[in-house]
């Protein structure tokens, strides 16, 4: 690397469950930041309806469709790529995208038939990721020689949808990876940094979510979820600073504060 660059990390947005105001704030920032790289952490398609794992308790939930879900995710990807037309994009499969393959695996007895259906209806196909030039990393495959499937490494940082959903997920990810890592899955902004005797230290970060903060199925259990996204400013040496950018009621202050500090 011979120049500094900006990497933006997009957490779970969940298709038709996306929070429109939060997503628009994120897209506005991406355009102003002139992002060189975008990492999608997964669960950008909710895969509800026929693929849902939640027991339906309300007729309102029966309006969900996979087609609408993918359409919403496509609109979001369109907005991101329009805001960062030159950015290299990576898409890590989340547990929600993986629902489609799990459903196919439990429904079909022929691998050939299963692969044929997935080639047309898997999230990667429905989102036209190949045509978009976006690399897709599925949860069942090992990449870059890593021991954890579905994880990737870009420079001095690892990225994964998530290996823990615990209250202290950031600390768990830091312990599992023993290196810088960014993850999604938990919908809560988290961060932890530890220094060791032999290193300057490593961090683990979850940017939050861009999905609605209080879905219907959680109506009796108020969430602690937060809106936001991640940004990394990367020096030519590969060293970087990571910032979890909070979005509150559709407003992000990152670019305003950055312009004041310039």
Protein backbone atom coordinates (compact mmCIF):
# COMPACT_ATOMS: atom_id res chain seq x y z
CA UNK A 1 0.00 0.00 0.00
CA UNK A 2 1.49 3.37 -1.00
CA UNK A 3 -1.24 5.72 0.17
CA UNK A 4 -3.75 6.11 2.97
CA UNK A 5 -7.29 4.90 2.42
CA UNK A 6 -10.75 4.81 4.00
CA UNK A 7 -12.56 1.57 4.75
CA UNK A 8 -16.26 1.63 5.73
CA UNK A 9 -17.85 -1.32 7.56
CA UNK A 10 -21.60 -1.86 7.18
CA UNK A 11 -23.34 -3.88 9.92
CA UNK A 12 -26.61 -5.83 9.75
CA UNK A 13 -29.41 -4.01 7.90
CA UNK A 14 -31.94 -6.88 7.50
CA UNK A 15 -33.68 -6.14 4.21
CA UNK A 16 -37.21 -4.84 4.70
CA UNK A 17 -36.40 -4.31 8.38
CA UNK A 18 -33.79 -1.66 7.53
CA UNK A 19 -34.09 1.67 9.35
CA UNK A 20 -34.35 4.05 6.42
CA UNK A 21 -33.17 7.16 8.26
CA UNK A 22 -30.11 5.42 9.73
CA UNK A 23 -29.22 3.89 6.37
CA UNK A 24 -29.46 7.26 4.61
CA UNK A 25 -27.18 8.84 7.21
CA UNK A 26 -24.63 6.09 6.61
CA UNK A 27 -24.81 6.53 2.83
CA UNK A 28 -24.34 10.30 3.13
CA UNK A 29 -21.19 9.77 5.20
CA UNK A 30 -19.81 7.21 2.76
CA UNK A 31 -20.12 9.69 -0.09
CA UNK A 32 -18.38 12.44 1.88
CA UNK A 33 -15.65 10.06 3.06
CA UNK A 34 -14.89 8.92 -0.51
CA UNK A 35 -14.60 5.33 0.71
CA UNK A 36 -11.95 3.18 -0.96
CA UNK A 37 -13.27 -0.08 0.47
CA UNK A 38 -16.58 -1.30 1.88
CA UNK A 39 -17.08 -4.40 4.01
CA UNK A 40 -20.63 -5.70 4.47
CA UNK A 41 -20.76 -7.77 7.68
CA UNK A 42 -23.80 -9.83 6.68
CA UNK A 43 -27.52 -10.09 7.50
CA UNK A 44 -28.37 -7.50 4.85
CA UNK A 45 -31.14 -9.84 3.76
CA UNK A 46 -33.41 -10.84 6.63
CA UNK A 47 -34.67 -13.99 4.86
CA UNK A 48 -37.99 -13.94 6.66
CA UNK A 49 -41.22 -15.40 5.32
CA UNK A 50 -40.70 -18.99 4.24
CA UNK A 51 -37.12 -18.97 5.56
CA UNK A 52 -37.83 -17.50 9.00
CA UNK A 53 -36.76 -19.32 12.15
CA UNK A 54 -39.06 -17.29 14.38
CA UNK A 55 -42.49 -18.66 15.25
CA UNK A 56 -45.06 -16.21 13.89
CA UNK A 57 -47.22 -14.69 16.60
CA UNK A 58 -48.91 -11.94 14.59
CA UNK A 59 -50.67 -11.84 11.23
CA UNK A 60 -48.66 -8.67 10.53
CA UNK A 61 -45.54 -10.82 10.22
CA UNK A 62 -47.17 -12.86 7.46
CA UNK A 63 -46.74 -9.95 5.04
CA UNK A 64 -43.00 -10.66 4.76
CA UNK A 65 -41.73 -12.03 1.47
CA UNK A 66 -38.28 -13.04 0.31
CA UNK A 67 -38.78 -11.09 -2.91
CA UNK A 68 -39.50 -7.83 -1.05
CA UNK A 69 -36.63 -8.51 1.32
CA UNK A 70 -34.12 -8.90 -1.50
CA UNK A 71 -35.53 -5.84 -3.26
CA UNK A 72 -34.91 -3.73 -0.16
CA UNK A 73 -31.36 -5.08 0.15
CA UNK A 74 -30.72 -4.38 -3.55
CA UNK A 75 -31.87 -0.79 -3.09
CA UNK A 76 -29.45 -0.40 -0.17
CA UNK A 77 -26.56 -1.88 -2.15
CA UNK A 78 -27.41 0.45 -5.05
CA UNK A 79 -27.19 3.44 -2.70
CA UNK A 80 -23.86 2.30 -1.24
CA UNK A 81 -22.26 1.66 -4.63
CA UNK A 82 -23.55 4.96 -6.00
CA UNK A 83 -22.02 6.75 -2.98
CA UNK A 84 -18.69 4.91 -3.36
CA UNK A 85 -18.44 4.00 -7.06
CA UNK A 86 -14.72 3.14 -6.95
CA UNK A 87 -14.76 1.20 -3.69
CA UNK A 88 -13.71 -2.44 -3.53
CA UNK A 89 -16.58 -4.27 -1.81
CA UNK A 90 -16.62 -7.44 0.31
CA UNK A 91 -19.80 -9.19 1.50
CA UNK A 92 -19.58 -11.65 4.40
CA UNK A 93 -22.51 -14.04 4.70
CA UNK A 94 -24.51 -13.72 7.90
CA UNK A 95 -26.64 -16.27 9.68
CA UNK A 96 -29.78 -14.83 8.04
CA UNK A 97 -28.47 -15.23 4.48
CA UNK A 98 -27.46 -18.77 5.45
CA UNK A 99 -31.10 -19.59 6.22
CA UNK A 100 -31.76 -20.16 2.53
CA UNK A 101 -29.09 -22.84 2.18
CA UNK A 102 -30.17 -24.48 5.45
CA UNK A 103 -33.76 -24.59 4.18
CA UNK A 104 -32.63 -26.09 0.86
CA UNK A 105 -30.43 -28.66 2.61
CA UNK A 106 -33.34 -29.80 4.79
CA UNK A 107 -35.88 -29.81 1.94
CA UNK A 108 -34.05 -31.39 -1.04
CA UNK A 109 -32.58 -34.87 -1.21
CA UNK A 110 -30.56 -34.21 -4.37
CA UNK A 111 -27.43 -32.06 -4.20
CA UNK A 112 -27.78 -31.28 -7.91
CA UNK A 113 -31.32 -29.96 -7.41
CA UNK A 114 -30.22 -28.02 -4.34
CA UNK A 115 -27.36 -26.33 -6.17
CA UNK A 116 -29.61 -25.51 -9.10
CA UNK A 117 -32.10 -23.74 -6.86
CA UNK A 118 -29.37 -21.90 -4.95
CA UNK A 119 -27.81 -20.67 -8.18
CA UNK A 120 -31.03 -18.75 -8.83
CA UNK A 121 -32.43 -17.93 -5.39
CA UNK A 122 -29.53 -17.75 -2.92
CA UNK A 123 -28.98 -14.21 -1.55
CA UNK A 124 -25.77 -13.82 -3.57
CA UNK A 125 -27.76 -14.46 -6.75
CA UNK A 126 -30.77 -12.36 -5.77
CA UNK A 127 -28.47 -9.43 -4.95
CA UNK A 128 -26.56 -9.83 -8.22
CA UNK A 129 -23.27 -9.66 -6.35
CA UNK A 130 -21.21 -11.10 -9.22
CA UNK A 131 -22.55 -8.47 -11.62
CA UNK A 132 -21.91 -5.81 -9.00
CA UNK A 133 -18.29 -6.92 -8.62
CA UNK A 134 -18.80 -7.70 -4.94
CA UNK A 135 -16.91 -10.68 -3.51
CA UNK A 136 -19.14 -12.99 -1.42
CA UNK A 137 -17.75 -15.04 1.47
CA UNK A 138 -20.02 -17.85 2.67
CA UNK A 139 -20.12 -19.19 6.21
CA UNK A 140 -19.07 -22.73 5.30
CA UNK A 141 -15.81 -21.90 3.53
CA UNK A 142 -12.34 -21.15 4.89
CA UNK A 143 -10.66 -18.12 3.32
CA UNK A 144 -7.09 -16.86 3.31
CA UNK A 145 -5.84 -19.85 5.28
CA UNK A 146 -7.89 -18.89 8.36
CA UNK A 147 -9.07 -21.60 10.77
CA UNK A 148 -12.52 -20.00 11.20
CA UNK A 149 -14.88 -20.38 8.22
CA UNK A 150 -16.59 -17.27 6.93
CA UNK A 151 -13.88 -14.93 8.25
CA UNK A 152 -11.53 -12.80 6.16
CA UNK A 153 -8.48 -10.68 6.76
CA UNK A 154 -7.88 -7.31 5.13
CA UNK A 155 -4.55 -5.77 6.02
CA UNK A 156 -4.11 -5.75 9.79
CA UNK A 157 -7.75 -6.52 10.63
CA UNK A 158 -10.07 -9.54 10.56
CA UNK A 159 -13.76 -9.38 9.66
CA UNK A 160 -16.50 -11.88 10.49
CA UNK A 161 -20.27 -11.83 10.87
CA UNK A 162 -19.96 -13.04 14.42
CA UNK A 163 -18.83 -15.98 16.56
CA UNK A 164 -20.64 -14.87 19.73
CA UNK A 165 -23.94 -13.23 20.64
CA UNK A 166 -23.10 -12.72 24.30
CA UNK A 167 -23.39 -9.51 26.28
CA UNK A 168 -19.60 -9.23 26.16
CA UNK A 169 -19.25 -10.28 22.51
CA UNK A 170 -16.39 -7.87 21.80
CA UNK A 171 -14.23 -9.41 24.51
CA UNK A 172 -15.13 -12.90 23.25
CA UNK A 173 -14.14 -12.02 19.67
CA UNK A 174 -10.87 -10.49 20.85
CA UNK A 175 -10.06 -13.65 22.80
CA UNK A 176 -10.99 -15.95 19.88
CA UNK A 177 -8.99 -14.02 17.27
CA UNK A 178 -6.16 -12.60 19.36
CA UNK A 179 -5.98 -9.80 16.80
CA UNK A 180 -7.92 -6.80 15.49
CA UNK A 181 -11.41 -7.93 14.48
CA UNK A 182 -14.68 -6.28 13.43
CA UNK A 183 -17.96 -8.17 13.67
CA UNK A 184 -21.72 -7.67 13.39
CA UNK A 185 -24.54 -9.95 14.56
CA UNK A 186 -25.20 -8.49 18.03
CA UNK A 187 -26.73 -5.15 16.85
CA UNK A 188 -25.04 -3.33 19.75
CA UNK A 189 -22.13 -0.92 19.44
CA UNK A 190 -19.27 -2.51 21.33
CA UNK A 191 -15.52 -2.11 21.51
CA UNK A 192 -12.64 -3.36 23.60
CA UNK A 193 -8.89 -2.94 23.29
CA UNK A 194 -6.19 -4.89 25.12
CA UNK A 195 -2.44 -4.42 25.19
CA UNK A 196 -0.08 -7.30 25.76
CA UNK A 197 3.53 -7.46 26.89
CA UNK A 198 4.68 -8.30 23.36
CA UNK A 199 2.39 -6.05 21.31
CA UNK A 200 0.91 -2.57 21.18
CA UNK A 201 -2.51 -4.11 21.56
CA UNK A 202 -5.49 -5.31 19.56
CA UNK A 203 -9.12 -4.26 19.37
CA UNK A 204 -12.52 -5.80 18.68
CA UNK A 205 -15.40 -3.68 17.46
CA UNK A 206 -19.08 -4.06 16.55
CA UNK A 207 -20.50 -0.93 14.86
CA UNK A 208 -24.13 -1.66 15.86
CA UNK A 209 -26.87 -2.09 13.27
CA UNK A 210 -28.76 -0.27 10.52
CA UNK A 211 -31.92 -2.28 11.14
CA UNK A 212 -34.95 -1.16 13.12
CA UNK A 213 -34.16 -1.10 16.80
CA UNK A 214 -37.39 -2.62 18.08
CA UNK A 215 -38.78 -5.36 15.79
CA UNK A 216 -42.24 -6.71 16.48
CA UNK A 217 -41.00 -10.09 17.69
CA UNK A 218 -39.11 -8.31 20.51
CA UNK A 219 -42.07 -6.24 21.70
CA UNK A 220 -41.97 -7.69 25.23
CA UNK A 221 -38.17 -7.41 25.47
CA UNK A 222 -36.88 -3.89 24.74
CA UNK A 223 -33.55 -4.17 22.94
CA UNK A 224 -30.24 -2.46 23.72
CA UNK A 225 -29.46 -2.19 20.02
CA UNK A 226 -27.85 0.94 18.57
CA UNK A 227 -27.55 2.44 15.11
CA UNK A 228 -24.16 3.00 13.57
CA UNK A 229 -21.46 1.86 11.17
CA UNK A 230 -17.67 1.54 11.30
CA UNK A 231 -14.93 3.48 9.56
CA UNK A 232 -11.20 2.82 9.45
CA UNK A 233 -8.62 5.37 8.40
CA UNK A 234 -5.66 3.31 7.18
CA UNK A 235 -2.11 4.62 6.89
CA UNK A 236 0.27 3.52 4.10
CA UNK A 237 1.96 1.25 6.67
CA UNK A 238 -1.34 -0.61 7.19
CA UNK A 239 -1.81 0.72 10.72
CA UNK A 240 -5.29 2.11 11.23
CA UNK A 241 -7.66 3.85 13.55
CA UNK A 242 -11.13 2.34 13.91
CA UNK A 243 -14.17 4.45 14.82
CA UNK A 244 -17.66 3.19 15.61
CA UNK A 245 -19.79 6.00 14.21
CA UNK A 246 -23.08 6.36 16.13
CA UNK A 247 -26.25 7.40 14.34
CA UNK A 248 -28.98 8.87 16.52
CA UNK A 249 -32.45 9.47 15.09
CA UNK A 250 -31.09 9.44 11.57
CA UNK A 251 -28.23 11.85 12.27
CA UNK A 252 -24.50 11.09 12.07
CA UNK A 253 -22.05 13.72 13.32
CA UNK A 254 -18.84 12.13 12.01
CA UNK A 255 -18.26 14.29 8.94
CA UNK A 256 -19.15 17.52 10.78
CA UNK A 257 -16.70 16.76 13.57
CA UNK A 258 -14.05 15.62 11.08
CA UNK A 259 -14.30 18.89 9.16
CA UNK A 260 -13.85 20.88 12.37
CA UNK A 261 -10.77 18.87 13.30
CA UNK A 262 -9.18 19.32 9.86
